[in-house]
All heavy atoms as atom14 arrays in JSON, in Angstrom:
{
  "sequence": "VDLKREGGDAAVRRTLDWLAGDSSGQECSIGGEPAVAFNLMTLAMLVG",
  "atom14_mask": [
    [1, 1, 1, 1, 1, 1, 1, 0, 0, 0, 0, 0, 0, 0],
    [1, 1, 1, 1, 1, 1, 1, 1, 0, 0, 0, 0, 0, 0],
    [1, 1, 1, 1, 1, 1, 1, 1, 0, 0, 0, 0, 0, 0],
    [1, 1, 1, 1, 1, 1, 1, 1, 1, 0, 0, 0, 0, 0],
    [1, 1, 1, 1, 1, 1, 1, 1, 1, 1, 1, 0, 0, 0],
    [1, 1, 1, 1, 1, 1, 1, 1, 1, 0, 0, 0, 0, 0],
    [1, 1, 1, 1, 0, 0, 0, 0, 0, 0, 0, 0, 0, 0],
    [1, 1, 1, 1, 0, 0, 0, 0, 0, 0, 0, 0, 0, 0],
    [1, 1, 1, 1, 1, 1, 1, 1, 0, 0, 0, 0, 0, 0],
    [1, 1, 1, 1, 1, 0, 0, 0, 0, 0, 0, 0, 0, 0],
    [1, 1, 1, 1, 1, 0, 0, 0, 0, 0, 0, 0, 0, 0],
    [1, 1, 1, 1, 1, 1, 1, 0, 0, 0, 0, 0, 0, 0],
    [1, 1, 1, 1, 1, 1, 1, 1, 1, 1, 1, 0, 0, 0],
    [1, 1, 1, 1, 1, 1, 1, 1, 1, 1, 1, 0, 0, 0],
    [1, 1, 1, 1, 1, 1, 1, 0, 0, 0, 0, 0, 0, 0],
    [1, 1, 1, 1, 1, 1, 1, 1, 0, 0, 0, 0, 0, 0],
    [1, 1, 1, 1, 1, 1, 1, 1, 0, 0, 0, 0, 0, 0],
    [1, 1, 1, 1, 1, 1, 1, 1, 1, 1, 1, 1, 1, 1],
    [1, 1, 1, 1, 1, 1, 1, 1, 0, 0, 0, 0, 0, 0],
    [1, 1, 1, 1, 1, 0, 0, 0, 0, 0, 0, 0, 0, 0],
    [1, 1, 1, 1, 0, 0, 0, 0, 0, 0, 0, 0, 0, 0],
    [1, 1, 1, 1, 1, 1, 1, 1, 0, 0, 0, 0, 0, 0],
    [1, 1, 1, 1, 1, 1, 0, 0, 0, 0, 0, 0, 0, 0],
    [1, 1, 1, 1, 1, 1, 0, 0, 0, 0, 0, 0, 0, 0],
    [1, 1, 1, 1, 0, 0, 0, 0, 0, 0, 0, 0, 0, 0],
    [1, 1, 1, 1, 1, 1, 1, 1, 1, 0, 0, 0, 0, 0],
    [1, 1, 1, 1, 1, 1, 1, 1, 1, 0, 0, 0, 0, 0],
    [1, 1, 1, 1, 1, 1, 0, 0, 0, 0, 0, 0, 0, 0],
    [1, 1, 1, 1, 1, 1, 0, 0, 0, 0, 0, 0, 0, 0],
    [1, 1, 1, 1, 1, 1, 1, 1, 0, 0, 0, 0, 0, 0],
    [1, 1, 1, 1, 0, 0, 0, 0, 0, 0, 0, 0, 0, 0],
    [1, 1, 1, 1, 0, 0, 0, 0, 0, 0, 0, 0, 0, 0],
    [1, 1, 1, 1, 1, 1, 1, 1, 1, 0, 0, 0, 0, 0],
    [1, 1, 1, 1, 1, 1, 1, 0, 0, 0, 0, 0, 0, 0],
    [1, 1, 1, 1, 1, 0, 0, 0, 0, 0, 0, 0, 0, 0],
    [1, 1, 1, 1, 1, 1, 1, 0, 0, 0, 0, 0, 0, 0],
    [1, 1, 1, 1, 1, 0, 0, 0, 0, 0, 0, 0, 0, 0],
    [1, 1, 1, 1, 1, 1, 1, 1, 1, 1, 1, 0, 0, 0],
    [1, 1, 1, 1, 1, 1, 1, 1, 0, 0, 0, 0, 0, 0],
    [1, 1, 1, 1, 1, 1, 1, 1, 0, 0, 0, 0, 0, 0],
    [1, 1, 1, 1, 1, 1, 1, 1, 0, 0, 0, 0, 0, 0],
    [1, 1, 1, 1, 1, 1, 1, 0, 0, 0, 0, 0, 0, 0],
    [1, 1, 1, 1, 1, 1, 1, 1, 0, 0, 0, 0, 0, 0],
    [1, 1, 1, 1, 1, 0, 0, 0, 0, 0, 0, 0, 0, 0],
    [1, 1, 1, 1, 1, 1, 1, 1, 0, 0, 0, 0, 0, 0],
    [1, 1, 1, 1, 1, 1, 1, 1, 0, 0, 0, 0, 0, 0],
    [1, 1, 1, 1, 1, 1, 1, 0, 0, 0, 0, 0, 0, 0],
    [1, 1, 1, 1, 0, 0, 0, 0, 0, 0, 0, 0, 0, 0]
  ],
  "atom14_positions": [
    [[-2.67, -19.27, 15.71], [-2.42, -17.98, 16.35], [-2.94, -16.82, 15.52], [-3.23, -15.74, 16.05], [-0.91, -17.81, 16.64], [-0.12, -17.6, 15.35], [-0.66, -16.67, 17.62], [0.0, 0.0, 0.0], [0.0, 0.0, 0.0], [0.0, 0.0, 0.0], [0.0, 0.0, 0.0], [0.0, 0.0, 0.0], [0.0, 0.0, 0.0], [0.0, 0.0, 0.0]],
    [[-3.1, -17.02, 14.2], [-3.56, -15.94, 13.34], [-4.99, -15.52, 13.63], [-5.43, -14.46, 13.16], [-3.41, -16.33, 11.87], [-1.96, -16.32, 11.42], [-1.3, -15.28, 11.6], [-1.47, -17.34, 10.9], [0.0, 0.0, 0.0], [0.0, 0.0, 0.0], [0.0, 0.0, 0.0], [0.0, 0.0, 0.0], [0.0, 0.0, 0.0], [0.0, 0.0, 0.0]],
    [[-5.73, -16.32, 14.38], [-7.08, -15.91, 14.75], [-7.07, -14.61, 15.55], [-8.07, -13.89, 15.59], [-7.75, -17.03, 15.56], [-9.27, -16.9, 15.75], [-10.01, -16.98, 14.42], [-9.79, -17.98, 16.7], [0.0, 0.0, 0.0], [0.0, 0.0, 0.0], [0.0, 0.0, 0.0], [0.0, 0.0, 0.0], [0.0, 0.0, 0.0], [0.0, 0.0, 0.0]],
    [[-5.94, -14.28, 16.18], [-5.82, -13.05, 16.96], [-5.74, -11.8, 16.09], [-5.96, -10.69, 16.56], [-4.56, -13.12, 17.83], [-4.59, -14.17, 18.91], [-3.23, -14.34, 19.57], [-2.7, -13.05, 20.15], [-1.4, -13.26, 20.84], [0.0, 0.0, 0.0], [0.0, 0.0, 0.0], [0.0, 0.0, 0.0], [0.0, 0.0, 0.0], [0.0, 0.0, 0.0]],
    [[-5.39, -11.97, 14.81], [-5.22, -10.81, 13.93], [-6.56, -10.19, 13.54], [-7.6, -10.86, 13.58], [-4.5, -11.22, 12.65], [-3.11, -11.78, 12.84], [-2.43, -11.97, 11.5], [-1.16, -12.66, 11.66], [-0.02, -12.04, 12.0], [-0.03, -10.74, 12.24], [1.1, -12.73, 12.12], [0.0, 0.0, 0.0], [0.0, 0.0, 0.0], [0.0, 0.0, 0.0]],
    [[-6.52, -8.94, 13.11], [-7.7, -8.35, 12.49], [-8.0, -9.14, 11.21], [-7.14, -9.33, 10.36], [-7.44, -6.88, 12.14], [-8.64, -6.19, 11.53], [-8.38, -4.72, 11.26], [-7.3, -4.21, 11.63], [-9.25, -4.07, 10.66], [0.0, 0.0, 0.0], [0.0, 0.0, 0.0], [0.0, 0.0, 0.0], [0.0, 0.0, 0.0], [0.0, 0.0, 0.0]],
    [[-9.19, -9.64, 11.1], [-9.54, -10.48, 9.96], [-8.98, -11.89, 10.05], [-8.99, -12.64, 9.07], [0.0, 0.0, 0.0], [0.0, 0.0, 0.0], [0.0, 0.0, 0.0], [0.0, 0.0, 0.0], [0.0, 0.0, 0.0], [0.0, 0.0, 0.0], [0.0, 0.0, 0.0], [0.0, 0.0, 0.0], [0.0, 0.0, 0.0], [0.0, 0.0, 0.0]],
    [[-8.51, -12.27, 11.23], [-7.85, -13.56, 11.39], [-8.75, -14.76, 11.19], [-8.27, -15.85, 10.87], [0.0, 0.0, 0.0], [0.0, 0.0, 0.0], [0.0, 0.0, 0.0], [0.0, 0.0, 0.0], [0.0, 0.0, 0.0], [0.0, 0.0, 0.0], [0.0, 0.0, 0.0], [0.0, 0.0, 0.0], [0.0, 0.0, 0.0], [0.0, 0.0, 0.0]],
    [[-10.05, -14.57, 11.35], [-10.99, -15.66, 11.09], [-10.82, -16.18, 9.67], [-10.79, -17.4, 9.43], [-12.41, -15.16, 11.33], [-13.46, -16.22, 11.12], [-13.89, -16.41, 9.96], [-13.86, -16.88, 12.1], [0.0, 0.0, 0.0], [0.0, 0.0, 0.0], [0.0, 0.0, 0.0], [0.0, 0.0, 0.0], [0.0, 0.0, 0.0], [0.0, 0.0, 0.0]],
    [[-10.67, -15.27, 8.71], [-10.52, -15.67, 7.31], [-9.2, -16.41, 7.09], [-9.14, -17.35, 6.29], [-10.58, -14.44, 6.4], [0.0, 0.0, 0.0], [0.0, 0.0, 0.0], [0.0, 0.0, 0.0], [0.0, 0.0, 0.0], [0.0, 0.0, 0.0], [0.0, 0.0, 0.0], [0.0, 0.0, 0.0], [0.0, 0.0, 0.0], [0.0, 0.0, 0.0]],
    [[-8.15, -16.0, 7.79], [-6.85, -16.66, 7.64], [-6.92, -18.1, 8.13], [-6.47, -19.03, 7.45], [-5.78, -15.88, 8.4], [0.0, 0.0, 0.0], [0.0, 0.0, 0.0], [0.0, 0.0, 0.0], [0.0, 0.0, 0.0], [0.0, 0.0, 0.0], [0.0, 0.0, 0.0], [0.0, 0.0, 0.0], [0.0, 0.0, 0.0], [0.0, 0.0, 0.0]],
    [[-7.48, -18.3, 9.32], [-7.59, -19.65, 9.88], [-8.5, -20.51, 9.0], [-8.2, -21.68, 8.73], [-8.1, -19.59, 11.32], [-8.47, -20.98, 11.84], [-7.04, -18.97, 12.23], [0.0, 0.0, 0.0], [0.0, 0.0, 0.0], [0.0, 0.0, 0.0], [0.0, 0.0, 0.0], [0.0, 0.0, 0.0], [0.0, 0.0, 0.0], [0.0, 0.0, 0.0]],
    [[-9.59, -19.93, 8.54], [-10.48, -20.67, 7.64], [-9.78, -21.06, 6.35], [-10.08, -22.12, 5.77], [-11.73, -19.85, 7.33], [-12.71, -19.74, 8.49], [-13.92, -18.9, 8.1], [-14.85, -18.76, 9.2], [-15.78, -19.67, 9.54], [-15.88, -20.78, 8.8], [-16.57, -19.47, 10.57], [0.0, 0.0, 0.0], [0.0, 0.0, 0.0], [0.0, 0.0, 0.0]],
    [[-8.85, -20.25, 5.88], [-8.13, -20.58, 4.65], [-7.37, -21.9, 4.81], [-7.36, -22.75, 3.91], [-7.18, -19.44, 4.3], [-6.64, -19.46, 2.88], [-5.86, -18.18, 2.58], [-6.72, -17.02, 2.71], [-6.48, -15.99, 3.52], [-5.39, -15.97, 4.27], [-7.31, -14.97, 3.59], [0.0, 0.0, 0.0], [0.0, 0.0, 0.0], [0.0, 0.0, 0.0]],
    [[-6.72, -22.06, 5.97], [-6.01, -23.32, 6.21], [-6.98, -24.48, 6.42], [-6.78, -25.58, 5.9], [-5.09, -23.18, 7.43], [-4.1, -22.19, 7.15], [-4.39, -24.5, 7.74], [0.0, 0.0, 0.0], [0.0, 0.0, 0.0], [0.0, 0.0, 0.0], [0.0, 0.0, 0.0], [0.0, 0.0, 0.0], [0.0, 0.0, 0.0], [0.0, 0.0, 0.0]],
    [[-8.06, -24.25, 7.17], [-9.04, -25.31, 7.38], [-9.69, -25.72, 6.06], [-9.92, -26.92, 5.82], [-10.1, -24.84, 8.38], [-9.6, -24.63, 9.82], [-10.69, -23.99, 10.67], [-9.14, -25.93, 10.44], [0.0, 0.0, 0.0], [0.0, 0.0, 0.0], [0.0, 0.0, 0.0], [0.0, 0.0, 0.0], [0.0, 0.0, 0.0], [0.0, 0.0, 0.0]],
    [[-9.97, -24.74, 5.21], [-10.5, -25.06, 3.88], [-9.54, -25.95, 3.11], [-9.94, -26.94, 2.48], [-10.75, -23.77, 3.08], [-11.97, -23.0, 3.53], [-12.83, -23.58, 4.22], [-12.05, -21.79, 3.22], [0.0, 0.0, 0.0], [0.0, 0.0, 0.0], [0.0, 0.0, 0.0], [0.0, 0.0, 0.0], [0.0, 0.0, 0.0], [0.0, 0.0, 0.0]],
    [[-8.25, -25.6, 3.15], [-7.24, -26.38, 2.42], [-7.18, -27.8, 2.95], [-7.12, -28.77, 2.18], [-5.89, -25.69, 2.51], [-4.87, -26.23, 1.57], [-4.62, -25.84, 0.29], [-3.95, -27.31, 1.84], [-3.61, -26.59, -0.26], [-3.18, -27.5, 0.66], [-3.71, -28.12, 2.94], [-2.18, -28.48, 0.58], [-2.73, -29.1, 2.86], [-1.97, -29.27, 1.69]],
    [[-7.21, -27.93, 4.27], [-7.18, -29.26, 4.87], [-8.43, -30.07, 4.51], [-8.38, -31.3, 4.44], [-7.06, -29.13, 6.39], [-5.68, -28.71, 6.9], [-5.76, -28.26, 8.36], [-4.67, -29.85, 6.75], [0.0, 0.0, 0.0], [0.0, 0.0, 0.0], [0.0, 0.0, 0.0], [0.0, 0.0, 0.0], [0.0, 0.0, 0.0], [0.0, 0.0, 0.0]],
    [[-9.53, -29.36, 4.26], [-10.78, -30.03, 3.89], [-10.89, -30.29, 2.39], [-11.89, -30.82, 1.92], [-11.97, -29.19, 4.36], [0.0, 0.0, 0.0], [0.0, 0.0, 0.0], [0.0, 0.0, 0.0], [0.0, 0.0, 0.0], [0.0, 0.0, 0.0], [0.0, 0.0, 0.0], [0.0, 0.0, 0.0], [0.0, 0.0, 0.0], [0.0, 0.0, 0.0]],
    [[-9.85, -29.87, 1.63], [-9.83, -30.18, 0.2], [-10.09, -29.02, -0.72], [-10.12, -29.2, -1.95], [0.0, 0.0, 0.0], [0.0, 0.0, 0.0], [0.0, 0.0, 0.0], [0.0, 0.0, 0.0], [0.0, 0.0, 0.0], [0.0, 0.0, 0.0], [0.0, 0.0, 0.0], [0.0, 0.0, 0.0], [0.0, 0.0, 0.0], [0.0, 0.0, 0.0]],
    [[-10.25, -27.8, -0.18], [-10.51, -26.61, -1.0], [-9.21, -25.83, -1.15], [-8.72, -25.23, -0.2], [-11.57, -25.76, -0.33], [-11.87, -24.46, -1.08], [-11.24, -24.2, -2.13], [-12.74, -23.7, -0.62], [0.0, 0.0, 0.0], [0.0, 0.0, 0.0], [0.0, 0.0, 0.0], [0.0, 0.0, 0.0], [0.0, 0.0, 0.0], [0.0, 0.0, 0.0]],
    [[-8.63, -25.82, -2.36], [-7.33, -25.18, -2.58], [-7.45, -23.73, -3.06], [-6.45, -23.14, -3.47], [-6.52, -25.99, -3.59], [-7.2, -26.08, -4.83], [0.0, 0.0, 0.0], [0.0, 0.0, 0.0], [0.0, 0.0, 0.0], [0.0, 0.0, 0.0], [0.0, 0.0, 0.0], [0.0, 0.0, 0.0], [0.0, 0.0, 0.0], [0.0, 0.0, 0.0]],
    [[-8.63, -23.13, -2.99], [-8.81, -21.77, -3.51], [-8.03, -20.73, -2.73], [-7.82, -19.62, -3.22], [-10.3, -21.41, -3.52], [-10.83, -21.41, -2.21], [0.0, 0.0, 0.0], [0.0, 0.0, 0.0], [0.0, 0.0, 0.0], [0.0, 0.0, 0.0], [0.0, 0.0, 0.0], [0.0, 0.0, 0.0], [0.0, 0.0, 0.0], [0.0, 0.0, 0.0]],
    [[-7.56, -21.07, -1.53], [-6.79, -20.13, -0.73], [-5.3, -20.15, -1.02], [-4.52, -19.45, -0.36], [0.0, 0.0, 0.0], [0.0, 0.0, 0.0], [0.0, 0.0, 0.0], [0.0, 0.0, 0.0], [0.0, 0.0, 0.0], [0.0, 0.0, 0.0], [0.0, 0.0, 0.0], [0.0, 0.0, 0.0], [0.0, 0.0, 0.0], [0.0, 0.0, 0.0]],
    [[-4.88, -20.92, -2.03], [-3.47, -20.93, -2.4], [-3.08, -19.63, -3.08], [-3.89, -18.95, -3.72], [-3.18, -22.11, -3.34], [-3.21, -23.45, -2.64], [-2.93, -24.63, -3.56], [-3.0, -25.77, -3.13], [-2.62, -24.38, -4.81], [0.0, 0.0, 0.0], [0.0, 0.0, 0.0], [0.0, 0.0, 0.0], [0.0, 0.0, 0.0], [0.0, 0.0, 0.0]],
    [[-1.8, -19.27, -2.97], [-1.23, -18.13, -3.69], [-1.5, -18.32, -5.19], [-1.19, -19.37, -5.76], [0.26, -18.04, -3.38], [1.1, -17.28, -4.38], [0.7, -15.83, -4.57], [0.14, -15.23, -3.62], [0.95, -15.3, -5.66], [0.0, 0.0, 0.0], [0.0, 0.0, 0.0], [0.0, 0.0, 0.0], [0.0, 0.0, 0.0], [0.0, 0.0, 0.0]],
    [[-2.07, -17.27, -5.81], [-2.57, -17.43, -7.17], [-1.46, -17.53, -8.22], [-1.74, -17.94, -9.36], [-3.52, -16.29, -7.52], [-2.76, -14.65, -7.52], [0.0, 0.0, 0.0], [0.0, 0.0, 0.0], [0.0, 0.0, 0.0], [0.0, 0.0, 0.0], [0.0, 0.0, 0.0], [0.0, 0.0, 0.0], [0.0, 0.0, 0.0], [0.0, 0.0, 0.0]],
    [[-0.24, -17.19, -7.89], [0.85, -17.27, -8.88], [1.42, -18.68, -9.0], [2.25, -18.93, -9.87], [1.97, -16.29, -8.5], [2.62, -16.7, -7.3], [0.0, 0.0, 0.0], [0.0, 0.0, 0.0], [0.0, 0.0, 0.0], [0.0, 0.0, 0.0], [0.0, 0.0, 0.0], [0.0, 0.0, 0.0], [0.0, 0.0, 0.0], [0.0, 0.0, 0.0]],
    [[1.0, -19.59, -8.14], [1.53, -20.96, -8.17], [1.18, -21.62, -9.5], [0.06, -21.49, -10.0], [0.96, -21.79, -7.01], [1.56, -21.34, -5.68], [1.2, -23.27, -7.21], [0.94, -22.01, -4.49], [0.0, 0.0, 0.0], [0.0, 0.0, 0.0], [0.0, 0.0, 0.0], [0.0, 0.0, 0.0], [0.0, 0.0, 0.0], [0.0, 0.0, 0.0]],
    [[2.13, -22.36, -10.03], [1.91, -23.12, -11.25], [3.04, -22.95, -12.23], [3.55, -21.84, -12.4], [0.0, 0.0, 0.0], [0.0, 0.0, 0.0], [0.0, 0.0, 0.0], [0.0, 0.0, 0.0], [0.0, 0.0, 0.0], [0.0, 0.0, 0.0], [0.0, 0.0, 0.0], [0.0, 0.0, 0.0], [0.0, 0.0, 0.0], [0.0, 0.0, 0.0]],
    [[3.45, -24.02, -12.85], [4.51, -23.94, -13.84], [5.85, -24.38, -13.3], [6.54, -25.19, -13.89], [0.0, 0.0, 0.0], [0.0, 0.0, 0.0], [0.0, 0.0, 0.0], [0.0, 0.0, 0.0], [0.0, 0.0, 0.0], [0.0, 0.0, 0.0], [0.0, 0.0, 0.0], [0.0, 0.0, 0.0], [0.0, 0.0, 0.0], [0.0, 0.0, 0.0]],
    [[6.24, -23.81, -12.16], [7.49, -24.2, -11.51], [7.19, -24.57, -10.06], [6.22, -24.08, -9.48], [8.52, -23.07, -11.51], [8.94, -22.56, -12.88], [8.09, -21.4, -13.34], [7.26, -20.91, -12.56], [8.23, -21.01, -14.52], [0.0, 0.0, 0.0], [0.0, 0.0, 0.0], [0.0, 0.0, 0.0], [0.0, 0.0, 0.0], [0.0, 0.0, 0.0]],
    [[8.01, -25.42, -9.46], [7.86, -25.68, -8.03], [8.1, -24.4, -7.23], [8.85, -23.52, -7.67], [8.92, -26.74, -7.73], [9.93, -26.59, -8.83], [9.16, -26.14, -10.04], [0.0, 0.0, 0.0], [0.0, 0.0, 0.0], [0.0, 0.0, 0.0], [0.0, 0.0, 0.0], [0.0, 0.0, 0.0], [0.0, 0.0, 0.0], [0.0, 0.0, 0.0]],
    [[7.45, -24.29, -6.09], [7.54, -23.06, -5.29], [7.77, -23.39, -3.82], [7.43, -24.49, -3.34], [6.26, -22.24, -5.44], [0.0, 0.0, 0.0], [0.0, 0.0, 0.0], [0.0, 0.0, 0.0], [0.0, 0.0, 0.0], [0.0, 0.0, 0.0], [0.0, 0.0, 0.0], [0.0, 0.0, 0.0], [0.0, 0.0, 0.0], [0.0, 0.0, 0.0]],
    [[8.36, -22.45, -3.11], [8.48, -22.48, -1.66], [8.2, -21.08, -1.14], [8.26, -20.1, -1.9], [9.88, -22.95, -1.18], [10.13, -24.39, -1.56], [10.97, -22.04, -1.75], [0.0, 0.0, 0.0], [0.0, 0.0, 0.0], [0.0, 0.0, 0.0], [0.0, 0.0, 0.0], [0.0, 0.0, 0.0], [0.0, 0.0, 0.0], [0.0, 0.0, 0.0]],
    [[7.92, -20.96, 0.15], [7.67, -19.65, 0.75], [8.3, -19.61, 2.13], [8.15, -20.55, 2.92], [6.17, -19.37, 0.84], [0.0, 0.0, 0.0], [0.0, 0.0, 0.0], [0.0, 0.0, 0.0], [0.0, 0.0, 0.0], [0.0, 0.0, 0.0], [0.0, 0.0, 0.0], [0.0, 0.0, 0.0], [0.0, 0.0, 0.0], [0.0, 0.0, 0.0]],
    [[9.01, -18.51, 2.4], [9.72, -18.37, 3.67], [9.65, -16.93, 4.16], [9.66, -15.98, 3.36], [11.21, -18.7, 3.5], [11.52, -20.14, 3.26], [11.81, -20.59, 1.98], [11.55, -21.05, 4.31], [12.13, -21.92, 1.75], [11.88, -22.38, 4.09], [12.16, -22.82, 2.81], [0.0, 0.0, 0.0], [0.0, 0.0, 0.0], [0.0, 0.0, 0.0]],
    [[9.65, -16.77, 5.47], [10.02, -15.51, 6.08], [11.49, -15.26, 5.75], [12.31, -16.17, 5.81], [9.81, -15.58, 7.59], [10.42, -14.43, 8.33], [11.49, -14.57, 8.91], [9.78, -13.28, 8.31], [0.0, 0.0, 0.0], [0.0, 0.0, 0.0], [0.0, 0.0, 0.0], [0.0, 0.0, 0.0], [0.0, 0.0, 0.0], [0.0, 0.0, 0.0]],
    [[11.85, -14.02, 5.39], [13.21, -13.73, 4.93], [14.25, -13.99, 6.01], [15.31, -14.57, 5.73], [13.29, -12.28, 4.44], [14.66, -11.82, 3.92], [15.17, -12.7, 2.78], [14.59, -10.35, 3.5], [0.0, 0.0, 0.0], [0.0, 0.0, 0.0], [0.0, 0.0, 0.0], [0.0, 0.0, 0.0], [0.0, 0.0, 0.0], [0.0, 0.0, 0.0]],
    [[14.0, -13.58, 7.23], [14.95, -13.84, 8.31], [15.15, -15.33, 8.51], [16.27, -15.82, 8.7], [14.48, -13.19, 9.62], [15.38, -13.5, 10.82], [17.05, -12.84, 10.66], [16.76, -11.14, 11.18], [0.0, 0.0, 0.0], [0.0, 0.0, 0.0], [0.0, 0.0, 0.0], [0.0, 0.0, 0.0], [0.0, 0.0, 0.0], [0.0, 0.0, 0.0]],
    [[14.05, -16.08, 8.48], [14.14, -17.53, 8.63], [14.97, -18.13, 7.51], [15.83, -18.98, 7.74], [12.73, -18.15, 8.66], [11.99, -17.58, 9.75], [12.79, -19.65, 8.83], [0.0, 0.0, 0.0], [0.0, 0.0, 0.0], [0.0, 0.0, 0.0], [0.0, 0.0, 0.0], [0.0, 0.0, 0.0], [0.0, 0.0, 0.0], [0.0, 0.0, 0.0]],
    [[14.72, -17.68, 6.28], [15.49, -18.2, 5.14], [16.95, -17.82, 5.26], [17.84, -18.63, 4.96], [14.9, -17.65, 3.84], [15.59, -18.09, 2.54], [15.57, -19.6, 2.39], [14.94, -17.4, 1.34], [0.0, 0.0, 0.0], [0.0, 0.0, 0.0], [0.0, 0.0, 0.0], [0.0, 0.0, 0.0], [0.0, 0.0, 0.0], [0.0, 0.0, 0.0]],
    [[17.24, -16.59, 5.71], [18.63, -16.16, 5.86], [19.38, -17.02, 6.87], [20.57, -17.27, 6.73], [18.68, -14.69, 6.27], [0.0, 0.0, 0.0], [0.0, 0.0, 0.0], [0.0, 0.0, 0.0], [0.0, 0.0, 0.0], [0.0, 0.0, 0.0], [0.0, 0.0, 0.0], [0.0, 0.0, 0.0], [0.0, 0.0, 0.0], [0.0, 0.0, 0.0]],
    [[18.68, -17.47, 7.92], [19.3, -18.34, 8.91], [19.39, -19.79, 8.42], [20.2, -20.57, 8.9], [18.5, -18.3, 10.21], [18.48, -16.94, 10.9], [20.13, -16.37, 11.43], [20.48, -15.18, 10.12], [0.0, 0.0, 0.0], [0.0, 0.0, 0.0], [0.0, 0.0, 0.0], [0.0, 0.0, 0.0], [0.0, 0.0, 0.0], [0.0, 0.0, 0.0]],
    [[18.55, -20.15, 7.45], [18.5, -21.53, 6.96], [19.56, -21.82, 5.91], [20.14, -22.92, 5.89], [17.1, -21.78, 6.38], [16.73, -23.19, 5.94], [16.74, -24.15, 7.12], [15.35, -23.17, 5.28], [0.0, 0.0, 0.0], [0.0, 0.0, 0.0], [0.0, 0.0, 0.0], [0.0, 0.0, 0.0], [0.0, 0.0, 0.0], [0.0, 0.0, 0.0]],
    [[19.82, -20.85, 5.03], [20.77, -21.1, 3.94], [22.16, -21.42, 4.5], [22.59, -20.86, 5.5], [20.86, -19.9, 2.96], [19.55, -19.69, 2.24], [21.3, -18.63, 3.67], [0.0, 0.0, 0.0], [0.0, 0.0, 0.0], [0.0, 0.0, 0.0], [0.0, 0.0, 0.0], [0.0, 0.0, 0.0], [0.0, 0.0, 0.0], [0.0, 0.0, 0.0]],
    [[22.81, -22.37, 3.86], [24.13, -22.79, 4.3], [24.14, -23.81, 5.41], [25.2, -24.26, 5.84], [0.0, 0.0, 0.0], [0.0, 0.0, 0.0], [0.0, 0.0, 0.0], [0.0, 0.0, 0.0], [0.0, 0.0, 0.0], [0.0, 0.0, 0.0], [0.0, 0.0, 0.0], [0.0, 0.0, 0.0], [0.0, 0.0, 0.0], [0.0, 0.0, 0.0]]
  ]
}
């Protein structure tokens, strides 16, 4: 669905690149500790 966004071509390609083995589109702060990422509302509904 992100293809609909302004610049969405790059977003969709980021996932396709990752699926094809190119991890350069990962968040650059990753490393050292395990990580997760959530929308805040989704996380607020998930906890508990």
